[in-house]
C-alpha atoms as a PDB file:
ATOM      1  CA  MET A   1     172.604 113.345  44.547  1.00  0.00           C
ATOM      2  CA  ARG A   2     169.998 115.379  46.433  1.00  0.00           C
ATOM      3  CA  ASN A   3     167.344 116.947  44.200  1.00  0.00           C
ATOM      4  CA  VAL A   4     167.924 120.396  45.708  1.00  0.00           C
ATOM      5  CA  ILE A   5     171.477 120.411  44.314  1.00  0.00           C
ATOM      6  CA  ARG A   6     170.047 120.271  40.796  1.00  0.00           C
ATOM      7  CA  LEU A   7     168.004 123.408  41.562  1.00  0.00           C
ATOM      8  CA  ILE A   8     170.896 125.496  42.883  1.00  0.00           C
ATOM      9  CA  ASN A   9     172.891 127.594  40.455  1.00  0.00           C
ATOM     10  CA  PRO A  10     176.618 127.956  41.164  1.00  0.00           C
ATOM     11  CA  TYR A  11     177.444 131.179  42.996  1.00  0.00           C
ATOM     12  CA  ASP A  12     178.138 133.839  40.370  1.00  0.00           C
ATOM     13  CA  ALA A  13     180.958 136.117  41.539  1.00  0.00           C
ATOM     14  CA  GLY A  14     180.966 138.125  38.302  1.00  0.00           C
ATOM     15  CA  LEU A  15     183.981 139.069  36.207  1.00  0.00           C
ATOM     16  CA  PHE A  16     187.538 138.871  37.579  1.00  0.00           C
ATOM     17  CA  PRO A  17     190.821 140.349  36.294  1.00  0.00           C
ATOM     18  CA  GLU A  18     192.081 136.811  35.603  1.00  0.00           C
ATOM     19  CA  ASP A  19     189.412 136.560  32.892  1.00  0.00           C
ATOM     20  CA  PHE A  20     191.331 139.224  30.930  1.00  0.00           C
ATOM     21  CA  PRO A  21     195.017 138.227  31.083  1.00  0.00           C
ATOM     22  CA  ASP A  22     196.038 140.583  28.262  1.00  0.00           C
ATOM     23  CA  LYS A  23     194.377 143.740  29.637  1.00  0.00           C
ATOM     24  CA  GLU A  24     195.283 146.297  32.276  1.00  0.00           C
ATOM     25  CA  ILE A  25     192.215 145.941  34.464  1.00  0.00           C
ATOM     26  CA  VAL A  26     190.445 148.319  36.839  1.00  0.00           C
ATOM     27  CA  ASN A  27     188.413 146.010  39.074  1.00  0.00           C
ATOM     28  CA  LEU A  28     185.303 147.751  40.403  1.00  0.00           C
ATOM     29  CA  ALA A  29     183.237 144.576  40.573  1.00  0.00           C
ATOM     30  CA  SER A  30     183.804 142.915  43.954  1.00  0.00           C
ATOM     31  CA  ASN A  31     183.353 145.630  46.620  1.00  0.00           C
ATOM     32  CA  GLU A  32     186.973 145.306  47.691  1.00  0.00           C
ATOM     33  CA  ASN A  33     188.945 147.961  49.536  1.00  0.00           C
ATOM     34  CA  PRO A  34     191.291 149.372  46.860  1.00  0.00           C
ATOM     35  CA  TYR A  35     193.974 150.505  49.320  1.00  0.00           C
ATOM     36  CA  GLU A  36     196.860 148.401  50.582  1.00  0.00           C
ATOM     37  CA  PRO A  37     196.838 147.075  54.148  1.00  0.00           C
ATOM     38  CA  SER A  38     198.500 148.829  57.054  1.00  0.00           C
ATOM     39  CA  GLU A  39     202.215 148.255  57.720  1.00  0.00           C
ATOM     40  CA  GLU A  40     201.324 146.345  60.874  1.00  0.00           C
ATOM     41  CA  VAL A  41     199.091 143.993  58.859  1.00  0.00           C
ATOM     42  CA  LYS A  42     201.843 143.399  56.289  1.00  0.00           C
ATOM     43  CA  GLU A  43     204.361 142.592  59.012  1.00  0.00           C
ATOM     44  CA  ALA A  44     201.903 140.247  60.757  1.00  0.00           C
ATOM     45  CA  TYR A  45     201.324 138.392  57.508  1.00  0.00           C
ATOM     46  CA  LEU A  46     205.040 137.883  56.882  1.00  0.00           C
ATOM     47  CA  ARG A  47     205.609 136.631  60.428  1.00  0.00           C
ATOM     48  CA  ALA A  48     202.697 134.192  60.117  1.00  0.00           C
ATOM     49  CA  VAL A  49     204.038 132.603  56.926  1.00  0.00           C
ATOM     50  CA  ASN A  50     206.362 130.492  59.050  1.00  0.00           C
ATOM     51  CA  LYS A  51     203.327 128.899  60.719  1.00  0.00           C
ATOM     52  CA  ILE A  52     201.508 127.659  57.620  1.00  0.00           C
ATOM     53  CA  SER A  53     202.702 124.084  58.164  1.00  0.00           C
ATOM     54  CA  ARG A  54     200.808 124.021  61.486  1.00  0.00           C
ATOM     55  CA  TYR A  55     197.142 124.050  62.402  1.00  0.00           C
ATOM     56  CA  PRO A  56     195.869 127.167  64.164  1.00  0.00           C
ATOM     57  CA  LYS A  57     194.369 126.707  67.626  1.00  0.00           C
ATOM     58  CA  ALA A  58     190.792 125.739  66.834  1.00  0.00           C
ATOM     59  CA  ASP A  59     189.037 127.952  69.388  1.00  0.00           C
ATOM     60  CA  TYR A  60     190.555 131.148  67.895  1.00  0.00           C
ATOM     61  CA  PHE A  61     190.437 132.716  71.341  1.00  0.00           C
ATOM     62  CA  ARG A  62     192.990 135.474  70.583  1.00  0.00           C
ATOM     63  CA  LEU A  63     191.037 136.553  67.527  1.00  0.00           C
ATOM     64  CA  LYS A  64     187.781 136.539  69.481  1.00  0.00           C
ATOM     65  CA  GLU A  65     189.381 138.615  72.249  1.00  0.00           C
ATOM     66  CA  ALA A  66     190.420 141.250  69.704  1.00  0.00           C
ATOM     67  CA  ILE A  67     186.940 141.267  68.126  1.00  0.00           C
ATOM     68  CA  ALA A  68     185.302 141.477  71.548  1.00  0.00           C
ATOM     69  CA  ASP A  69     187.416 144.518  72.365  1.00  0.00           C
ATOM     70  CA  TYR A  70     186.497 146.114  69.026  1.00  0.00           C
ATOM     71  CA  THR A  71     182.742 145.478  69.347  1.00  0.00           C
ATOM     72  CA  GLY A  72     182.315 145.958  73.096  1.00  0.00           C
ATOM     73  CA  PHE A  73     180.903 142.465  73.628  1.00  0.00           C
ATOM     74  CA  GLU A  74     182.200 139.489  75.591  1.00  0.00           C
ATOM     75  CA  VAL A  75     184.192 136.659  74.001  1.00  0.00           C
ATOM     76  CA  GLU A  76     181.284 134.261  74.550  1.00  0.00           C
ATOM     77  CA  ASN A  77     179.161 136.447  72.258  1.00  0.00           C
ATOM     78  CA  ILE A  78     181.588 136.024  69.336  1.00  0.00           C
ATOM     79  CA  ALA A  79     181.644 133.268  66.711  1.00  0.00           C
ATOM     80  CA  VAL A  80     184.191 133.295  63.887  1.00  0.00           C
ATOM     81  CA  GLY A  81     184.423 131.692  60.485  1.00  0.00           C
ATOM     82  CA  CYS A  82     186.083 131.568  57.091  1.00  0.00           C
ATOM     83  CA  GLY A  83     184.478 134.797  55.975  1.00  0.00           C
ATOM     84  CA  ALA A  84     180.916 135.753  56.817  1.00  0.00           C
ATOM     85  CA  SER A  85     179.956 133.198  54.149  1.00  0.00           C
ATOM     86  CA  GLU A  86     180.844 130.242  56.375  1.00  0.00           C
ATOM     87  CA  ILE A  87     178.891 131.725  59.254  1.00  0.00           C
ATOM     88  CA  ILE A  88     175.786 132.092  57.051  1.00  0.00           C
ATOM     89  CA  SER A  89     176.062 128.368  56.332  1.00  0.00           C
ATOM     90  CA  CYS A  90     176.546 127.575  60.026  1.00  0.00           C
ATOM     91  CA  ILE A  91     173.529 129.666  61.026  1.00  0.00           C
ATOM     92  CA  CYS A  92     171.319 127.756  58.608  1.00  0.00           C
ATOM     93  CA  ASN A  93     172.711 124.463  59.912  1.00  0.00           C
ATOM     94  CA  VAL A  94     171.953 125.252  63.550  1.00  0.00           C
ATOM     95  CA  ILE A  95     168.549 126.937  63.072  1.00  0.00           C
ATOM     96  CA  VAL A  96     166.740 125.700  59.972  1.00  0.00           C
ATOM     97  CA  GLU A  97     164.800 122.438  59.952  1.00  0.00           C
ATOM     98  CA  GLU A  98     163.210 121.037  56.796  1.00  0.00           C
ATOM     99  CA  LEU A  99     160.337 123.254  55.522  1.00  0.00           C
ATOM    100  CA  ASP A 100     160.997 125.991  58.088  1.00  0.00           C
ATOM    101  CA  LYS A 101     159.978 129.394  56.719  1.00  0.00           C
ATOM    102  CA  VAL A 102     163.006 131.529  55.799  1.00  0.00           C
ATOM    103  CA  VAL A 103     162.358 135.066  54.547  1.00  0.00           C
ATOM    104  CA  ILE A 104     164.957 136.807  52.374  1.00  0.00           C
ATOM    105  CA  PRO A 105     163.872 140.321  51.385  1.00  0.00           C
ATOM    106  CA  MET A 106     165.024 141.194  47.895  1.00  0.00           C
ATOM    107  CA  PRO A 107     167.012 142.574  46.198  1.00  0.00           C
ATOM    108  CA  SER A 108     169.860 141.288  48.319  1.00  0.00           C
ATOM    109  CA  TYR A 109     172.834 138.951  48.619  1.00  0.00           C
ATOM    110  CA  THR A 110     172.209 135.653  46.819  1.00  0.00           C
ATOM    111  CA  LEU A 111     174.273 133.415  49.135  1.00  0.00           C
ATOM    112  CA  TYR A 112     171.576 133.511  51.840  1.00  0.00           C
ATOM    113  CA  SER A 113     169.239 131.525  49.607  1.00  0.00           C
ATOM    114  CA  ILE A 114     171.807 128.891  48.656  1.00  0.00           C
ATOM    115  CA  TYR A 115     172.434 127.833  52.257  1.00  0.00           C
ATOM    116  CA  ALA A 116     168.729 127.995  53.140  1.00  0.00           C
ATOM    117  CA  MET A 117     167.921 125.786  50.140  1.00  0.00           C
ATOM    118  CA  LEU A 118     170.480 123.237  51.298  1.00  0.00           C
ATOM    119  CA  ARG A 119     168.427 122.908  54.489  1.00  0.00           C
ATOM    120  CA  ASN A 120     165.251 122.287  52.421  1.00  0.00           C
ATOM    121  CA  ALA A 121     163.703 125.427  53.874  1.00  0.00           C
ATOM    122  CA  SER A 122     160.487 126.976  52.640  1.00  0.00           C
ATOM    123  CA  ILE A 123     161.897 130.242  51.331  1.00  0.00           C
ATOM    124  CA  SER A 124     160.004 133.450  50.668  1.00  0.00           C
ATOM    125  CA  PHE A 125     161.552 136.260  48.602  1.00  0.00           C
ATOM    126  CA  PRO A 126     159.420 139.377  49.110  1.00  0.00           C
ATOM    127  CA  VAL A 127     160.638 142.149  46.817  1.00  0.00           C
ATOM    128  CA  PHE A 128     160.876 145.687  48.208  1.00  0.00           C
ATOM    129  CA  ASP A 129     161.695 148.530  45.858  1.00  0.00           C
ATOM    130  CA  ARG A 130     165.157 149.910  46.695  1.00  0.00           C
ATOM    131  CA  TYR A 131     165.163 147.542  49.697  1.00  0.00           C
ATOM    132  CA  ASP A 132     162.577 149.619  51.556  1.00  0.00           C
ATOM    133  CA  VAL A 133     161.734 146.678  53.814  1.00  0.00           C
ATOM    134  CA  ASP A 134     158.200 146.425  55.194  1.00  0.00           C
ATOM    135  CA  ALA A 135     158.478 144.730  58.606  1.00  0.00           C
ATOM    136  CA  GLU A 136     154.738 144.103  58.820  1.00  0.00           C
ATOM    137  CA  ALA A 137     154.756 142.224  55.514  1.00  0.00           C
ATOM    138  CA  ILE A 138     157.555 140.008  56.848  1.00  0.00           C
ATOM    139  CA  ALA A 139     155.681 139.402  60.109  1.00  0.00           C
ATOM    140  CA  LYS A 140     152.729 137.967  58.168  1.00  0.00           C
ATOM    141  CA  GLU A 141     155.028 135.213  56.900  1.00  0.00           C
ATOM    142  CA  LYS A 142     155.596 133.944  60.478  1.00  0.00           C
ATOM    143  CA  PRO A 143     159.275 133.273  59.723  1.00  0.00           C
ATOM    144  CA  LYS A 144     161.672 131.004  61.550  1.00  0.00           C
ATOM    145  CA  LEU A 145     164.602 132.985  60.140  1.00  0.00           C
ATOM    146  CA  VAL A 146     164.950 136.327  58.339  1.00  0.00           C
ATOM    147  CA  PHE A 147     168.053 137.576  56.543  1.00  0.00           C
ATOM    148  CA  LEU A 148     168.491 141.359  56.556  1.00  0.00           C
ATOM    149  CA  CYS A 149     171.436 143.299  55.132  1.00  0.00           C
ATOM    150  CA  SER A 150     172.362 146.831  56.205  1.00  0.00           C
ATOM    151  CA  PRO A 151     173.866 148.573  54.291  1.00  0.00           C
ATOM    152  CA  ASN A 152     172.276 146.298  51.757  1.00  0.00           C
ATOM    153  CA  ASN A 153     174.111 144.619  48.927  1.00  0.00           C
ATOM    154  CA  PRO A 154     173.409 145.682  46.156  1.00  0.00           C
ATOM    155  CA  THR A 155     171.234 148.747  46.847  1.00  0.00           C
ATOM    156  CA  GLY A 156     173.596 150.398  49.357  1.00  0.00           C
ATOM    157  CA  ASN A 157     170.936 151.735  51.729  1.00  0.00           C
ATOM    158  CA  SER A 158     170.736 151.134  55.488  1.00  0.00           C
ATOM    159  CA  LEU A 159     167.728 149.808  57.363  1.00  0.00           C
ATOM    160  CA  SER A 160     166.208 151.854  60.154  1.00  0.00           C
ATOM    161  CA  ARG A 161     166.433 150.668  63.736  1.00  0.00           C
ATOM    162  CA  GLU A 162     162.640 150.533  63.828  1.00  0.00           C
ATOM    163  CA  VAL A 163     162.483 148.059  60.938  1.00  0.00           C
ATOM    164  CA  VAL A 164     165.097 145.773  62.522  1.00  0.00           C
ATOM    165  CA  GLU A 165     163.245 145.902  65.848  1.00  0.00           C
ATOM    166  CA  LYS A 166     159.899 145.003  64.283  1.00  0.00           C
ATOM    167  CA  VAL A 167     161.396 142.106  62.336  1.00  0.00           C
ATOM    168  CA  ALA A 168     163.169 140.839  65.469  1.00  0.00           C
ATOM    169  CA  GLU A 169     159.867 140.954  67.358  1.00  0.00           C
ATOM    170  CA  SER A 170     158.068 138.832  64.740  1.00  0.00           C
ATOM    171  CA  ALA A 171     160.707 136.259  63.722  1.00  0.00           C
ATOM    172  CA  ASP A 172     162.244 133.430  65.693  1.00  0.00           C
ATOM    173  CA  TYR A 173     165.707 134.458  64.501  1.00  0.00           C
ATOM    174  CA  VAL A 174     167.078 137.407  62.525  1.00  0.00           C
ATOM    175  CA  VAL A 175     170.438 137.713  60.790  1.00  0.00           C
ATOM    176  CA  LEU A 176     171.538 141.313  60.274  1.00  0.00           C
ATOM    177  CA  ASP A 177     174.430 141.334  57.822  1.00  0.00           C
ATOM    178  CA  GLU A 178     176.623 144.372  58.553  1.00  0.00           C
ATOM    179  CA  ALA A 179     179.505 143.538  56.223  1.00  0.00           C
ATOM    180  CA  TYR A 180     179.585 147.152  54.986  1.00  0.00           C
ATOM    181  CA  VAL A 181     178.546 148.931  58.161  1.00  0.00           C
ATOM    182  CA  GLU A 182     181.870 150.647  58.890  1.00  0.00           C
ATOM    183  CA  PHE A 183     181.295 152.809  55.816  1.00  0.00           C
ATOM    184  CA  SER A 184     177.960 154.026  57.207  1.00  0.00           C
ATOM    185  CA  ASP A 185     178.491 154.514  60.972  1.00  0.00           C
ATOM    186  CA  ASP A 186     174.932 153.193  61.425  1.00  0.00           C
ATOM    187  CA  SER A 187     175.422 149.883  63.213  1.00  0.00           C
ATOM    188  CA  LYS A 188     172.627 148.145  65.086  1.00  0.00           C
ATOM    189  CA  ILE A 189     175.038 145.790  66.863  1.00  0.00           C
ATOM    190  CA  ASP A 190     173.990 147.077  70.302  1.00  0.00           C
ATOM    191  CA  MET A 191     170.549 145.564  69.671  1.00  0.00           C
ATOM    192  CA  VAL A 192     172.043 142.126  70.360  1.00  0.00           C
ATOM    193  CA  GLU A 193     171.850 143.054  74.053  1.00  0.00           C
ATOM    194  CA  GLU A 194     168.075 143.538  73.730  1.00  0.00           C
ATOM    195  CA  PHE A 195     167.184 140.764  71.272  1.00  0.00           C
ATOM    196  CA  GLU A 196     168.556 137.292  71.990  1.00  0.00           C
ATOM    197  CA  ASN A 197     167.304 136.141  68.580  1.00  0.00           C
ATOM    198  CA  LEU A 198     169.413 138.705  66.674  1.00  0.00           C
ATOM    199  CA  ILE A 199     172.660 137.648  64.985  1.00  0.00           C
ATOM    200  CA  VAL A 200     174.855 140.438  63.600  1.00  0.00           C
ATOM    201  CA  LEU A 201     177.298 139.411  60.881  1.00  0.00           C
ATOM    202  CA  ARG A 202     180.541 141.265  60.224  1.00  0.00           C
ATOM    203  CA  SER A 203     183.455 140.819  57.829  1.00  0.00           C
ATOM    204  CA  PHE A 204     187.128 141.763  57.622  1.00  0.00           C
ATOM    205  CA  SER A 205     186.880 141.835  53.810  1.00  0.00           C
ATOM    206  CA  LYS A 206     185.554 145.357  53.232  1.00  0.00           C
ATOM    207  CA  PHE A 207     186.553 148.051  55.739  1.00  0.00           C
ATOM    208  CA  PHE A 208     189.716 146.177  56.769  1.00  0.00           C
ATOM    209  CA  GLY A 209     190.602 145.174  53.194  1.00  0.00           C
ATOM    210  CA  LEU A 210     191.296 141.512  53.992  1.00  0.00           C
ATOM    211  CA  ALA A 211     189.060 139.944  51.331  1.00  0.00           C
ATOM    212  CA  GLY A 212     191.732 137.400  50.430  1.00  0.00           C
ATOM    213  CA  MET A 213     192.233 136.316  54.045  1.00  0.00           C
ATOM    214  CA  ARG A 214     188.612 135.173  54.569  1.00  0.00           C
ATOM    215  CA  VAL A 215     187.732 136.185  58.137  1.00  0.00           C
ATOM    216  CA  GLY A 216     184.214 136.863  59.344  1.00  0.00           C
ATOM    217  CA  TYR A 217     182.433 136.895  62.672  1.00  0.00           C
ATOM    218  CA  ALA A 218     179.034 136.967  64.305  1.00  0.00           C
ATOM    219  CA  VAL A 219     177.955 138.829  67.428  1.00  0.00           C
ATOM    220  CA  CYS A 220     174.965 137.235  69.115  1.00  0.00           C
ATOM    221  CA  SER A 221     173.754 135.541  72.279  1.00  0.00           C
ATOM    222  CA  ALA A 222     176.219 133.186  73.942  1.00  0.00           C
ATOM    223  CA  GLU A 223     173.908 130.255  73.166  1.00  0.00           C
ATOM    224  CA  ILE A 224     173.804 130.960  69.428  1.00  0.00           C
ATOM    225  CA  ALA A 225     177.539 131.720  69.301  1.00  0.00           C
ATOM    226  CA  GLU A 226     178.293 128.385  70.944  1.00  0.00           C
ATOM    227  CA  ALA A 227     176.037 126.590  68.442  1.00  0.00           C
ATOM    228  CA  ILE A 228     177.778 128.222  65.473  1.00  0.00           C
ATOM    229  CA  GLU A 229     181.151 127.283  66.920  1.00  0.00           C
ATOM    230  CA  LYS A 230     180.033 123.654  67.229  1.00  0.00           C
ATOM    231  CA  VAL A 231     179.279 123.252  63.528  1.00  0.00           C
ATOM    232  CA  ARG A 232     181.901 125.390  61.792  1.00  0.00           C
ATOM    233  CA  LEU A 233     185.013 123.768  60.378  1.00  0.00           C
ATOM    234  CA  PRO A 234     187.615 123.472  63.155  1.00  0.00           C
ATOM    235  CA  PHE A 235     190.595 124.987  61.311  1.00  0.00           C
ATOM    236  CA  SER A 236     188.842 127.126  58.700  1.00  0.00           C
ATOM    237  CA  ILE A 237     190.806 130.338  59.431  1.00  0.00           C
ATOM    238  CA  SER A 238     194.515 130.094  58.631  1.00  0.00           C
ATOM    239  CA  HIS A 239     197.378 131.398  60.772  1.00  0.00           C
ATOM    240  CA  PRO A 240     198.033 134.338  58.387  1.00  0.00           C
ATOM    241  CA  ALA A 241     194.338 135.219  58.392  1.00  0.00           C
ATOM    242  CA  VAL A 242     194.179 135.233  62.200  1.00  0.00           C
ATOM    243  CA  GLU A 243     197.303 137.338  62.576  1.00  0.00           C
ATOM    244  CA  THR A 244     196.360 139.873  59.898  1.00  0.00           C
ATOM    245  CA  ALA A 245     192.854 140.282  61.335  1.00  0.00           C
ATOM    246  CA  ILE A 246     194.246 140.958  64.814  1.00  0.00           C
ATOM    247  CA  ALA A 247     196.792 143.377  63.359  1.00  0.00           C
ATOM    248  CA  ALA A 248     194.040 145.153  61.408  1.00  0.00           C
ATOM    249  CA  LEU A 249     192.106 145.734  64.634  1.00  0.00           C
ATOM    250  CA  ARG A 250     195.287 147.274  66.063  1.00  0.00           C
ATOM    251  CA  SER A 251     195.488 149.601  63.030  1.00  0.00           C
ATOM    252  CA  LEU A 252     192.128 151.334  63.399  1.00  0.00           C
ATOM    253  CA  ASP A 253     193.564 154.828  62.892  1.00  0.00           C
ATOM    254  CA  TYR A 254     194.952 153.775  59.519  1.00  0.00           C
ATOM    255  CA  TYR A 255     191.693 152.186  58.379  1.00  0.00           C
ATOM    256  CA  GLU A 256     189.637 155.142  59.551  1.00  0.00           C
ATOM    257  CA  LYS A 257     191.771 157.359  57.291  1.00  0.00           C
ATOM    258  CA  VAL A 258     191.221 154.948  54.404  1.00  0.00           C
ATOM    259  CA  LYS A 259     187.494 154.946  55.099  1.00  0.00           C
ATOM    260  CA  ARG A 260     187.330 158.715  54.929  1.00  0.00           C
ATOM    261  CA  LYS A 261     189.005 158.586  51.521  1.00  0.00           C
ATOM    262  CA  ILE A 262     186.534 155.980  50.275  1.00  0.00           C
ATOM    263  CA  VAL A 263     183.463 157.800  51.608  1.00  0.00           C
ATOM    264  CA  ALA A 264     184.588 161.129  50.111  1.00  0.00           C
ATOM    265  CA  GLU A 265     185.312 159.426  46.814  1.00  0.00           C
ATOM    266  CA  ARG A 266     181.924 157.678  46.940  1.00  0.00           C
ATOM    267  CA  GLU A 267     180.138 161.020  47.114  1.00  0.00           C
ATOM    268  CA  ARG A 268     182.269 162.427  44.282  1.00  0.00           C
ATOM    269  CA  LEU A 269     181.567 159.339  42.179  1.00  0.00           C
ATOM    270  CA  ILE A 270     177.827 159.618  42.775  1.00  0.00           C
ATOM    271  CA  GLU A 271     177.885 163.274  41.742  1.00  0.00           C
ATOM    272  CA  ARG A 272     179.803 162.474  38.534  1.00  0.00           C
ATOM    273  CA  LEU A 273     177.586 159.506  37.676  1.00  0.00           C
ATOM    274  CA  ARG A 274     174.462 161.653  38.040  1.00  0.00           C
ATOM    275  CA  ARG A 275     175.704 163.862  35.200  1.00  0.00           C
ATOM    276  CA  ILE A 276     175.259 160.915  32.804  1.00  0.00           C
ATOM    277  CA  ASP A 277     171.637 161.171  31.702  1.00  0.00           C
ATOM    278  CA  TRP A 278     171.122 157.480  30.888  1.00  0.00           C
ATOM    279  CA  LEU A 279     172.035 156.363  34.419  1.00  0.00           C
ATOM    280  CA  VAL A 280     169.746 156.341  37.456  1.00  0.00           C
ATOM    281  CA  VAL A 281     172.018 156.556  40.514  1.00  0.00           C
ATOM    282  CA  CYS A 282     171.072 155.358  44.001  1.00  0.00           C
ATOM    283  CA  PRO A 283     172.425 156.918  47.196  1.00  0.00           C
ATOM    284  CA  SER A 284     174.756 154.648  49.151  1.00  0.00           C
ATOM    285  CA  ASP A 285     176.005 154.075  52.687  1.00  0.00           C
ATOM    286  CA  ALA A 286     178.498 151.428  51.552  1.00  0.00           C
ATOM    287  CA  ASN A 287     181.703 151.299  49.488  1.00  0.00           C
ATOM    288  CA  PHE A 288     179.784 150.790  46.248  1.00  0.00           C
ATOM    289  CA  VAL A 289     177.129 152.546  44.190  1.00  0.00           C
ATOM    290  CA  LEU A 290     174.161 150.959  42.413  1.00  0.00           C
ATOM    291  CA  VAL A 291     173.050 152.419  39.090  1.00  0.00           C
ATOM    292  CA  LYS A 292     170.332 151.496  36.631  1.00  0.00           C
ATOM    293  CA  ALA A 293     171.547 151.783  33.044  1.00  0.00           C
ATOM    294  CA  ASN A 294     169.117 152.670  30.277  1.00  0.00           C
ATOM    295  CA  LYS A 295     171.464 151.243  27.647  1.00  0.00           C
ATOM    296  CA  GLU A 296     172.186 147.627  26.798  1.00  0.00           C
ATOM    297  CA  GLY A 297     175.627 146.041  26.803  1.00  0.00           C
ATOM    298  CA  VAL A 298     177.214 148.510  29.205  1.00  0.00           C
ATOM    299  CA  ILE A 299     178.973 145.874  31.323  1.00  0.00           C
ATOM    300  CA  GLU A 300     180.466 144.201  28.256  1.00  0.00           C
ATOM    301  CA  LYS A 301     181.576 147.525  26.743  1.00  0.00           C
ATOM    302  CA  LEU A 302     183.252 148.534  29.994  1.00  0.00           C
ATOM    303  CA  ALA A 303     185.025 145.162  30.138  1.00  0.00           C
ATOM    304  CA  GLU A 304     186.338 145.770  26.607  1.00  0.00           C
ATOM    305  CA  LYS A 305     187.859 148.986  27.979  1.00  0.00           C
ATOM    306  CA  GLY A 306     189.442 147.100  30.898  1.00  0.00           C
ATOM    307  CA  ILE A 307     186.917 148.139  33.577  1.00  0.00           C
ATOM    308  CA  LEU A 308     185.045 145.477  35.515  1.00  0.00           C
ATOM    309  CA  VAL A 309     181.743 146.208  37.236  1.00  0.00           C
ATOM    310  CA  ARG A 310     179.112 143.856  38.673  1.00  0.00           C
ATOM    311  CA  ASP A 311     175.885 142.893  36.981  1.00  0.00           C
ATOM    312  CA  ALA A 312     173.442 143.314  39.879  1.00  0.00           C
ATOM    313  CA  SER A 313     170.396 142.316  37.863  1.00  0.00           C
ATOM    314  CA  VAL A 314     170.790 138.737  39.165  1.00  0.00           C
ATOM    315  CA  MET A 315     170.069 139.957  42.714  1.00  0.00           C
ATOM    316  CA  GLY A 316     166.343 140.499  42.210  1.00  0.00           C
ATOM    317  CA  LEU A 317     166.338 143.762  40.249  1.00  0.00           C
ATOM    318  CA  GLU A 318     164.376 144.494  37.079  1.00  0.00           C
ATOM    319  CA  GLY A 319     166.290 146.028  34.208  1.00  0.00           C
ATOM    320  CA  LEU A 320     170.037 146.411  33.819  1.00  0.00           C
ATOM    321  CA  HIS A 321     171.486 147.343  37.208  1.00  0.00           C
ATOM    322  CA  ILE A 322     175.206 147.777  37.727  1.00  0.00           C
ATOM    323  CA  ARG A 323     177.001 147.755  41.065  1.00  0.00           C
ATOM    324  CA  ILE A 324     180.159 149.852  41.015  1.00  0.00           C
ATOM    325  CA  THR A 325     182.794 149.520  43.728  1.00  0.00           C
ATOM    326  CA  VAL A 326     184.294 152.821  44.845  1.00  0.00           C
ATOM    327  CA  GLY A 327     187.875 152.683  43.615  1.00  0.00           C
ATOM    328  CA  LYS A 328     190.756 155.095  43.891  1.00  0.00           C
ATOM    329  CA  PRO A 329     190.183 158.531  42.296  1.00  0.00           C
ATOM    330  CA  GLU A 330     192.111 157.665  39.148  1.00  0.00           C
ATOM    331  CA  GLU A 331     190.158 154.422  38.752  1.00  0.00           C
ATOM    332  CA  ASN A 332     186.836 156.187  39.147  1.00  0.00           C
ATOM    333  CA  ASP A 333     187.916 158.847  36.645  1.00  0.00           C
ATOM    334  CA  ARG A 334     188.731 156.132  34.134  1.00  0.00           C
ATOM    335  CA  LEU A 335     185.258 154.646  34.687  1.00  0.00           C
ATOM    336  CA  ILE A 336     183.535 157.997  34.163  1.00  0.00           C
ATOM    337  CA  GLU A 337     185.429 158.636  30.935  1.00  0.00           C
ATOM    338  CA  ALA A 338     184.564 155.165  29.656  1.00  0.00           C
ATOM    339  CA  LEU A 339     180.868 155.706  30.451  1.00  0.00           C
ATOM    340  CA  LYS A 340     180.948 159.024  28.583  1.00  0.00           C
ATOM    341  CA  GLU A 341     182.448 157.285  25.559  1.00  0.00           C
ATOM    342  CA  ILE A 342     179.733 154.625  25.714  1.00  0.00           C
END
């Protein structure tokens, strides 16, 4: 066994409803879209069930065409994968040589580091309070690859265009993870046209509510997209996942309405959370809110009440930080009442 495997901790996805089979659970832990899919997505899924005994066409051209239409890029600029997670792995496989410098500003998503470690990279984790990234500090590292996230998981804030530009000018390659960007309307995806070293990651899990289908994509130069496509698993996206993703892109009006509900509820949730004097609440551009709790045992006490939230302290934050997914109004109300009782 490789020594690096002994150093890697298993990915911690936090608490899940299945961990509490005897409780009625409100799951606010995984940044999922709490609303059901569009009717067109449901119908596409049911039609695709008949194809599960067959392999999908490995180039996923129809899916890429739909994504290209959605993003305004050409098909050759699109790479797809089994969630954005697979694409992160593929990016590391095509870019990172042993001991290459990879910079992962923290606090941020822990999966970046796992795949960089598997390439035996030399990884730097500069910590920026509230993810206020200093591009000049990153430039001094002379990085081969930088992982940025905007809106960032878990802090919820978006990076400025200026910061992304400066990082792209100093690094060989930059990944900009925009998994939550549809909740912010602050995408930098157009910068791919200016920076050939920029790779923008997107997901169908959040805005489109297809977390269980596992579909992600990258928008980047044709050369990088081709490289990612070479190393990803050939049949990693199932027939139902392909068909539901395409149907979701055809249902934009529905998902825009859902987004407006989530964003309005996010602002209401933030306002209610700020009334609780032992919480420090961060602003958010995503479908979740980060809070710092000045009490111990909050996550466990909420779980006892059937409410799951995410311990974000493992993502490079000091003190007890909790990431709360924006649920439906009644779910958020139940959370607020539970916090008051605590």
